[in-house]
Amino acid sequence: MNKRHLLLKLASLTAVAAAAGLVGCGKKTEEAAAPAASSAAAKAEPLKIAFAYVGPVGDGGWTFAHDNARKAVEKEFGDKVVTSFVEKVPEAADAERVFRDMVSTGNKLIFGTTFGYGESMLKVAADHADVKFEHATGYKQAANQRTYDSRTYEGAYMAGVIAGKMSKSGTLGVVGSIPIPEVIRNINSFTLGAQSINPKVVVKVVWVNKWFDPPQETEAAQTLINGGADVLMQNTDSSAVLQTAEKNGKYAFGWDSDMTAYGPKAHLGSAVINWAPYYIASVREALDGKWTAGAGKHAWWGVKEGAIDMVSVSEAVPAETRAQVDKIKAGLKDGSFNIWKGPIIGQDGKELLKKDEVADDKFLSGINFYIKGVESQLPNSK
């Protein structure tokens, strides 16, 4: 009996020890697994971002500027983001297919970088509430789509100031892309800048009805030069206008990006867009869960936000004119200078802005007319 009692006692103690060992082992397993799970949670999946470009990334202008900003986003956020792009996406039904492909490959933030993508983006956005959409130069917003733009007219005005000083004939030329308010506003602002130096200056316009078409841009530039223009500006995406001016011994400007290298003798300066500040801000909002859209969600950035500049101004431009451009930049940055300030008269002779009246953004966004000094006719006018 004593022996049996001893054996039972030993068995009981062994069972207790085994149970304790199992509990301890389980605790260690849980503790070992916890850091791994925590580490996996800490390393979140990168935000996938896609860009749709209307032109080739090597256009030297509009698309090149957007792609430089995309690279700036990668540099800023590192492995927190993965970016991609599709170039030469037409402003047609095919754009909708491209946006749907971007969604299907897991992109959660999509930028459409030209005006003509608006309706396609709205359709795709309506079907994918979990994806964030941004439309450049657009004006229609949705619950998950907002719009953004740059005040390119500020760069156009500064170009006009330089052109007004450098022109000997008093006739300037502009190669226009598509006659939408954005482009018409730039032509008028260029004219206002030139008139601030030479009130008698006239501006001629030739439209190519495309954003990127080097042969047509070349032909349009040559037509303007043949018509007496000795300084050219463009609102198209290639360097063809500057190159044509170089071949003809005339002056011109780079547009959207620094185009000095394409025509160093003709180049008076480049009115550039820096999209990086906006893209970085937008991506940060998305990463931080602070990105919002909906009616009225429109950003319009210019010199003040570091989005617009006049760079690489030629040494051929007199020092006092370069100093004046710098003063204009400073005034645009601190809000003390207004480009669209009355009196401003329309091409038809009617007063658009009274003396000292300053145009608001609603006025600026709806410009579909020429001011006095522009000699050409708008394509949609009678």
Protein backbone atom coordinates (compact mmCIF):
# COMPACT_ATOMS: atom_id res chain seq x y z
CA MET A 1 0.00 0.00 0.00
CA ASN A 2 2.79 2.37 0.85
CA LYS A 3 4.52 1.51 -2.40
CA ARG A 4 1.30 2.02 -4.39
CA HIS A 5 0.70 5.33 -2.65
CA LEU A 6 4.21 6.45 -3.54
CA LEU A 7 3.77 5.51 -7.22
CA LEU A 8 0.47 7.41 -7.45
CA LYS A 9 2.06 10.44 -5.86
CA LEU A 10 4.98 10.32 -8.33
CA ALA A 11 2.58 9.99 -11.29
CA SER A 12 0.58 12.94 -10.05
CA LEU A 13 3.66 15.09 -9.70
CA THR A 14 4.85 14.09 -13.20
CA ALA A 15 1.49 15.05 -14.71
CA VAL A 16 1.54 18.44 -13.01
CA ALA A 17 5.07 19.07 -14.24
CA ALA A 18 4.15 18.04 -17.79
CA ALA A 19 1.13 20.33 -17.77
CA ALA A 20 3.22 23.20 -16.50
CA GLY A 21 5.75 22.52 -19.21
CA LEU A 22 3.06 22.60 -21.87
CA VAL A 23 1.68 25.87 -20.54
CA GLY A 24 5.15 27.38 -20.47
CA CYS A 25 5.87 26.11 -23.95
CA GLY A 26 2.63 27.60 -25.24
CA LYS A 27 3.41 30.94 -23.68
CA LYS A 28 6.84 30.99 -25.26
CA THR A 29 5.33 30.14 -28.66
CA GLU A 30 2.84 32.98 -28.34
CA GLU A 31 5.57 35.38 -27.25
CA ALA A 32 7.76 34.29 -30.15
CA ALA A 33 4.91 34.70 -32.65
CA ALA A 34 3.84 38.11 -31.33
CA PRO A 35 6.88 40.07 -32.57
CA ALA A 36 6.58 38.49 -36.03
CA ALA A 37 2.91 39.45 -36.28
CA SER A 38 3.68 42.92 -34.97
CA SER A 39 6.50 43.33 -37.50
CA ALA A 40 4.23 42.28 -40.37
CA ALA A 41 1.60 44.79 -39.28
CA ALA A 42 4.18 47.55 -38.97
CA LYS A 43 5.41 47.06 -42.53
CA ALA A 44 2.33 48.19 -44.44
CA GLU A 45 1.91 47.62 -48.14
CA PRO A 46 3.21 50.54 -50.24
CA LEU A 47 0.68 52.92 -51.77
CA LYS A 48 0.43 52.19 -55.49
CA ILE A 49 0.17 55.38 -57.56
CA ALA A 50 -0.37 55.64 -61.32
CA PHE A 51 -0.04 58.57 -63.73
CA ALA A 52 -1.66 58.87 -67.15
CA TYR A 53 0.26 61.12 -69.57
CA VAL A 54 -1.12 62.65 -72.76
CA GLY A 55 2.32 62.88 -74.39
CA PRO A 56 5.63 61.05 -74.30
CA VAL A 57 7.80 61.49 -71.20
CA GLY A 58 10.53 62.82 -73.46
CA ASP A 59 8.47 65.71 -74.87
CA GLY A 60 10.68 68.19 -73.02
CA GLY A 61 7.61 70.08 -71.82
CA TRP A 62 4.28 69.23 -70.16
CA THR A 63 4.60 65.47 -69.71
CA PHE A 64 8.30 65.74 -68.91
CA ALA A 65 7.39 68.11 -66.05
CA HIS A 66 4.80 65.69 -64.66
CA ASP A 67 7.22 62.78 -64.82
CA ASN A 68 9.91 64.75 -63.01
CA ALA A 69 7.37 65.34 -60.25
CA ARG A 70 6.53 61.61 -60.17
CA LYS A 71 10.23 60.90 -59.59
CA ALA A 72 10.25 63.52 -56.83
CA VAL A 73 7.42 61.60 -55.12
CA GLU A 74 9.49 58.41 -55.23
CA LYS A 75 12.47 60.22 -53.75
CA GLU A 76 10.37 61.81 -51.01
CA PHE A 77 8.55 58.68 -49.81
CA GLY A 78 10.89 55.82 -50.74
CA ASP A 79 9.44 52.33 -50.18
CA LYS A 80 6.16 53.75 -48.87
CA VAL A 81 5.03 54.18 -52.48
CA VAL A 82 5.25 52.43 -55.83
CA THR A 83 4.62 54.60 -58.89
CA SER A 84 3.99 53.80 -62.52
CA PHE A 85 2.86 55.67 -65.63
CA VAL A 86 1.32 55.16 -69.05
CA GLU A 87 2.39 57.68 -71.68
CA LYS A 88 0.69 58.87 -74.88
CA VAL A 89 -2.83 58.16 -73.60
CA PRO A 90 -5.26 59.86 -76.01
CA GLU A 91 -7.98 62.20 -74.78
CA ALA A 92 -10.63 59.79 -76.01
CA ALA A 93 -12.54 56.66 -74.99
CA ASP A 94 -9.27 54.73 -74.73
CA ALA A 95 -8.40 56.77 -71.64
CA GLU A 96 -11.22 55.04 -69.73
CA ARG A 97 -9.66 51.64 -70.52
CA VAL A 98 -6.29 52.84 -69.24
CA PHE A 99 -7.81 54.08 -65.96
CA ARG A 100 -9.64 50.78 -65.46
CA ASP A 101 -6.41 48.89 -66.06
CA MET A 102 -4.70 51.04 -63.45
CA VAL A 103 -7.39 50.16 -60.92
CA SER A 104 -7.23 46.46 -61.76
CA THR A 105 -3.49 46.36 -61.03
CA GLY A 106 -4.03 47.70 -57.52
CA ASN A 107 -3.39 51.42 -57.84
CA LYS A 108 -5.17 53.38 -55.11
CA LEU A 109 -4.22 56.91 -56.21
CA ILE A 110 -4.48 57.83 -59.90
CA PHE A 111 -3.51 61.10 -61.57
CA GLY A 112 -4.88 62.03 -65.00
CA THR A 113 -2.66 64.81 -66.29
CA THR A 114 -4.64 66.53 -69.03
CA PHE A 115 -7.98 68.30 -69.45
CA GLY A 116 -9.50 65.76 -71.84
CA TYR A 117 -9.41 62.90 -69.31
CA GLY A 118 -12.17 64.41 -67.17
CA GLU A 119 -15.22 62.42 -68.27
CA SER A 120 -13.33 59.13 -68.46
CA MET A 121 -12.02 59.56 -64.93
CA LEU A 122 -15.47 60.39 -63.59
CA LYS A 123 -16.89 57.15 -65.05
CA VAL A 124 -14.15 55.00 -63.55
CA ALA A 125 -14.23 56.83 -60.21
CA ALA A 126 -17.96 56.15 -59.90
CA ASP A 127 -17.27 52.41 -60.10
CA HIS A 128 -14.38 52.36 -57.62
CA ALA A 129 -15.14 54.26 -54.44
CA ASP A 130 -12.03 52.86 -52.74
CA VAL A 131 -9.68 54.49 -55.26
CA LYS A 132 -8.62 58.16 -55.18
CA PHE A 133 -8.61 60.06 -58.48
CA GLU A 134 -7.06 63.43 -59.35
CA HIS A 135 -7.68 65.30 -62.61
CA ALA A 136 -5.23 67.96 -63.79
CA THR A 137 -6.68 71.22 -65.19
CA GLY A 138 -10.20 69.87 -64.72
CA TYR A 139 -13.22 71.39 -63.00
CA LYS A 140 -15.55 68.47 -62.21
CA GLN A 141 -15.23 66.73 -58.86
CA ALA A 142 -16.80 63.63 -57.30
CA ALA A 143 -16.83 61.91 -53.91
CA ASN A 144 -13.46 60.31 -54.71
CA GLN A 145 -12.19 62.65 -57.43
CA ARG A 146 -10.72 66.10 -57.06
CA THR A 147 -9.06 68.52 -59.47
CA TYR A 148 -5.81 70.47 -59.50
CA ASP A 149 -4.13 73.00 -61.74
CA SER A 150 -1.18 75.38 -61.97
CA ARG A 151 -1.41 79.10 -62.62
CA THR A 152 0.45 78.92 -65.92
CA TYR A 153 -0.81 82.40 -66.77
CA GLU A 154 1.69 83.77 -64.23
CA GLY A 155 4.55 82.32 -66.26
CA ALA A 156 2.95 83.60 -69.46
CA TYR A 157 2.76 87.12 -68.04
CA MET A 158 6.45 87.13 -67.11
CA ALA A 159 7.29 85.87 -70.59
CA GLY A 160 5.24 88.75 -71.98
CA VAL A 161 7.24 91.30 -69.99
CA ILE A 162 10.45 89.95 -71.49
CA ALA A 163 8.95 89.70 -74.98
CA GLY A 164 7.70 93.28 -74.85
CA LYS A 165 11.24 94.45 -74.17
CA MET A 166 12.99 92.21 -76.69
CA SER A 167 10.68 92.61 -79.69
CA LYS A 168 11.86 95.01 -82.37
CA SER A 169 8.86 94.61 -84.68
CA GLY A 170 6.24 95.05 -81.94
CA THR A 171 4.57 91.87 -83.19
CA LEU A 172 4.56 88.75 -81.02
CA GLY A 173 3.32 85.28 -81.88
CA VAL A 174 1.72 82.45 -79.89
CA VAL A 175 1.27 78.85 -81.00
CA GLY A 176 -1.92 77.72 -79.26
CA SER A 177 -2.91 74.13 -78.57
CA ILE A 178 -6.63 73.77 -77.81
CA PRO A 179 -8.91 76.83 -77.33
CA ILE A 180 -10.02 76.19 -73.75
CA PRO A 181 -10.04 78.87 -71.00
CA GLU A 182 -6.66 77.72 -69.66
CA VAL A 183 -4.90 78.40 -72.97
CA ILE A 184 -6.84 81.55 -73.87
CA ARG A 185 -6.02 82.94 -70.40
CA ASN A 186 -2.32 82.32 -71.05
CA ILE A 187 -2.40 84.12 -74.40
CA ASN A 188 -4.13 87.12 -72.82
CA SER A 189 -1.72 87.17 -69.87
CA PHE A 190 1.25 87.07 -72.24
CA THR A 191 -0.30 90.04 -74.03
CA LEU A 192 -0.82 91.95 -70.76
CA GLY A 193 2.80 91.39 -69.80
CA ALA A 194 4.03 92.68 -73.13
CA GLN A 195 1.69 95.68 -73.01
CA SER A 196 3.09 96.64 -69.61
CA ILE A 197 6.35 97.35 -71.46
CA ASN A 198 5.06 98.38 -74.88
CA PRO A 199 1.36 99.37 -74.96
CA LYS A 200 1.37 99.24 -78.77
CA VAL A 201 2.45 95.62 -79.05
CA VAL A 202 0.20 93.21 -80.98
CA VAL A 203 -0.09 89.45 -80.59
CA LYS A 204 -0.95 86.97 -83.33
CA VAL A 205 -2.12 83.40 -82.64
CA VAL A 206 -2.07 80.22 -84.71
CA TRP A 207 -3.93 77.21 -83.30
CA VAL A 208 -2.83 73.61 -83.92
CA ASN A 209 -5.70 71.98 -81.96
CA LYS A 210 -3.35 69.44 -80.37
CA TRP A 211 -1.16 69.41 -77.31
CA PHE A 212 1.75 67.62 -78.90
CA ASP A 213 2.39 67.66 -82.65
CA PRO A 214 5.91 68.88 -83.50
CA PRO A 215 5.35 69.13 -87.29
CA GLN A 216 2.20 71.25 -86.87
CA GLU A 217 3.84 73.33 -84.14
CA THR A 218 6.77 73.97 -86.47
CA GLU A 219 4.45 75.01 -89.29
CA ALA A 220 2.47 77.32 -86.99
CA ALA A 221 5.65 78.95 -85.67
CA GLN A 222 6.91 79.53 -89.19
CA THR A 223 3.58 81.09 -90.18
CA LEU A 224 3.85 83.54 -87.29
CA ILE A 225 7.43 84.45 -88.16
CA ASN A 226 6.44 84.97 -91.80
CA GLY A 227 3.69 87.28 -90.49
CA GLY A 228 6.19 89.54 -88.75
CA ALA A 229 6.45 88.05 -85.25
CA ASP A 230 9.99 88.22 -83.88
CA VAL A 231 9.29 86.73 -80.42
CA LEU A 232 7.24 83.56 -79.98
CA MET A 233 5.51 81.87 -77.08
CA GLN A 234 3.67 78.56 -77.13
CA ASN A 235 1.06 76.65 -75.19
CA THR A 236 2.02 73.33 -76.75
CA ASP A 237 4.12 70.53 -75.33
CA SER A 238 7.13 70.09 -77.61
CA SER A 239 10.23 72.20 -78.21
CA ALA A 240 9.37 72.72 -81.90
CA VAL A 241 8.46 76.41 -81.55
CA LEU A 242 11.75 77.28 -79.89
CA GLN A 243 13.70 75.27 -82.46
CA THR A 244 11.91 77.02 -85.31
CA ALA A 245 12.75 80.42 -83.81
CA GLU A 246 16.39 79.36 -83.54
CA LYS A 247 16.53 78.40 -87.22
CA ASN A 248 15.00 81.76 -88.19
CA GLY A 249 17.16 83.95 -85.95
CA LYS A 250 14.19 84.94 -83.78
CA TYR A 251 13.44 84.69 -80.06
CA ALA A 252 11.14 82.30 -78.19
CA PHE A 253 10.40 80.81 -74.78
CA GLY A 254 10.45 77.37 -73.28
CA TRP A 255 7.12 76.19 -71.89
CA ASP A 256 6.32 73.90 -68.94
CA SER A 257 9.96 72.75 -68.63
CA ASP A 258 13.36 74.39 -69.11
CA MET A 259 13.96 74.16 -72.89
CA THR A 260 17.22 76.09 -73.06
CA ALA A 261 19.13 73.23 -74.67
CA TYR A 262 16.74 73.02 -77.64
CA GLY A 263 17.51 76.53 -78.89
CA PRO A 264 20.12 78.32 -76.77
CA LYS A 265 20.43 81.35 -79.06
CA ALA A 266 16.67 81.86 -79.38
CA HIS A 267 15.81 81.04 -75.77
CA LEU A 268 14.79 84.08 -73.68
CA GLY A 269 13.60 82.09 -70.66
CA SER A 270 11.35 79.18 -69.77
CA ALA A 271 7.98 79.48 -68.04
CA VAL A 272 8.09 76.23 -66.06
CA ILE A 273 5.69 74.22 -63.93
CA ASN A 274 6.91 72.35 -60.88
CA TRP A 275 4.25 69.77 -60.06
CA ALA A 276 6.32 68.22 -57.27
CA PRO A 277 4.98 70.37 -54.39
CA TYR A 278 1.39 69.42 -55.17
CA TYR A 279 2.05 65.74 -55.84
CA ILE A 280 4.07 65.36 -52.67
CA ALA A 281 1.36 67.08 -50.62
CA SER A 282 -1.36 64.92 -52.17
CA VAL A 283 0.51 61.64 -51.63
CA ARG A 284 1.26 62.60 -48.02
CA GLU A 285 -2.45 63.19 -47.43
CA ALA A 286 -3.25 59.78 -48.89
CA LEU A 287 -0.63 58.04 -46.74
CA ASP A 288 -1.81 59.85 -43.61
CA GLY A 289 -5.48 59.15 -44.25
CA LYS A 290 -6.24 62.84 -44.72
CA TRP A 291 -7.00 62.87 -48.46
CA THR A 292 -10.48 64.25 -49.19
CA ALA A 293 -12.47 64.97 -52.34
CA GLY A 294 -15.92 66.15 -53.33
CA ALA A 295 -17.52 69.34 -54.62
CA GLY A 296 -15.23 72.35 -54.54
CA LYS A 297 -12.06 70.32 -53.93
CA HIS A 298 -9.87 72.13 -56.42
CA ALA A 299 -6.26 73.25 -55.97
CA TRP A 300 -4.81 76.03 -58.13
CA TRP A 301 -1.15 76.63 -57.34
CA GLY A 302 1.26 79.20 -58.74
CA VAL A 303 4.37 81.19 -57.87
CA LYS A 304 3.18 81.50 -54.27
CA GLU A 305 3.27 77.72 -53.73
CA GLY A 306 6.44 77.14 -55.75
CA ALA A 307 4.55 75.64 -58.70
CA ILE A 308 5.32 78.31 -61.35
CA ASP A 309 8.57 80.06 -62.22
CA MET A 310 10.45 81.85 -64.98
CA VAL A 311 13.89 80.25 -65.22
CA SER A 312 17.10 80.44 -67.24
CA VAL A 313 16.45 84.00 -68.40
CA SER A 314 18.89 84.87 -71.17
CA GLU A 315 21.78 87.25 -70.62
CA ALA A 316 20.53 88.98 -73.77
CA VAL A 317 17.62 90.32 -71.69
CA PRO A 318 18.56 93.71 -70.15
CA ALA A 319 19.39 93.65 -66.45
CA GLU A 320 16.56 96.04 -65.58
CA THR A 321 14.03 93.73 -67.27
CA ARG A 322 15.37 90.71 -65.40
CA ALA A 323 15.09 92.71 -62.19
CA GLN A 324 11.51 93.60 -63.08
CA VAL A 325 10.65 89.92 -63.57
CA ASP A 326 12.14 89.14 -60.16
CA LYS A 327 10.03 91.90 -58.65
CA ILE A 328 6.90 90.47 -60.26
CA LYS A 329 7.74 87.03 -58.86
CA ALA A 330 8.11 88.48 -55.39
CA GLY A 331 4.78 90.31 -55.74
CA LEU A 332 2.98 87.17 -56.91
CA LYS A 333 4.46 85.25 -54.01
CA ASP A 334 3.38 87.67 -51.30
CA GLY A 335 0.12 88.68 -52.99
CA SER A 336 1.04 92.32 -53.55
CA PHE A 337 0.95 92.03 -57.36
CA ASN A 338 -2.10 91.15 -59.48
CA ILE A 339 -1.80 90.37 -63.17
CA TRP A 340 -5.49 90.75 -63.97
CA LYS A 341 -6.14 94.21 -62.56
CA GLY A 342 -8.22 96.84 -64.37
CA PRO A 343 -8.59 98.68 -66.50
CA ILE A 344 -8.59 95.81 -69.01
CA ILE A 345 -10.37 96.13 -72.33
CA GLY A 346 -11.63 93.26 -74.49
CA GLN A 347 -10.79 92.75 -78.14
CA ASP A 348 -14.27 94.10 -78.93
CA GLY A 349 -13.54 97.36 -77.07
CA LYS A 350 -15.77 96.59 -74.08
CA GLU A 351 -14.46 97.05 -70.56
CA LEU A 352 -13.76 93.73 -68.87
CA LEU A 353 -12.35 95.04 -65.60
CA LYS A 354 -12.76 98.56 -64.24
CA LYS A 355 -9.83 100.60 -62.98
CA ASP A 356 -8.24 98.89 -59.95
CA GLU A 357 -10.73 96.02 -60.12
CA VAL A 358 -9.00 92.66 -59.56
CA ALA A 359 -10.27 89.52 -61.26
CA ASP A 360 -11.23 86.66 -58.95
CA ASP A 361 -10.69 82.98 -59.73
CA LYS A 362 -14.22 82.58 -61.06
CA PHE A 363 -13.54 85.30 -63.64
CA LEU A 364 -10.15 83.82 -64.55
CA SER A 365 -11.43 80.27 -64.91
CA GLY A 366 -14.12 81.34 -67.38
CA ILE A 367 -12.01 83.37 -69.82
CA ASN A 368 -13.18 82.63 -73.38
CA PHE A 369 -12.32 85.93 -75.05
CA TYR A 370 -9.30 87.88 -76.26
CA ILE A 371 -8.24 91.18 -74.79
CA LYS A 372 -7.36 94.26 -76.81
CA GLY A 373 -4.01 93.75 -78.50
CA VAL A 374 -4.64 90.19 -79.69
CA GLU A 375 -5.25 90.46 -83.40
CA SER A 376 -6.33 86.91 -84.18
CA GLN A 377 -9.83 85.45 -83.96
CA LEU A 378 -10.86 82.66 -81.60
CA PRO A 379 -11.69 79.44 -83.46
CA ASN A 380 -15.15 79.21 -81.83
CA SER A 381 -16.10 82.85 -82.48
CA LYS A 382 -18.28 84.01 -85.35
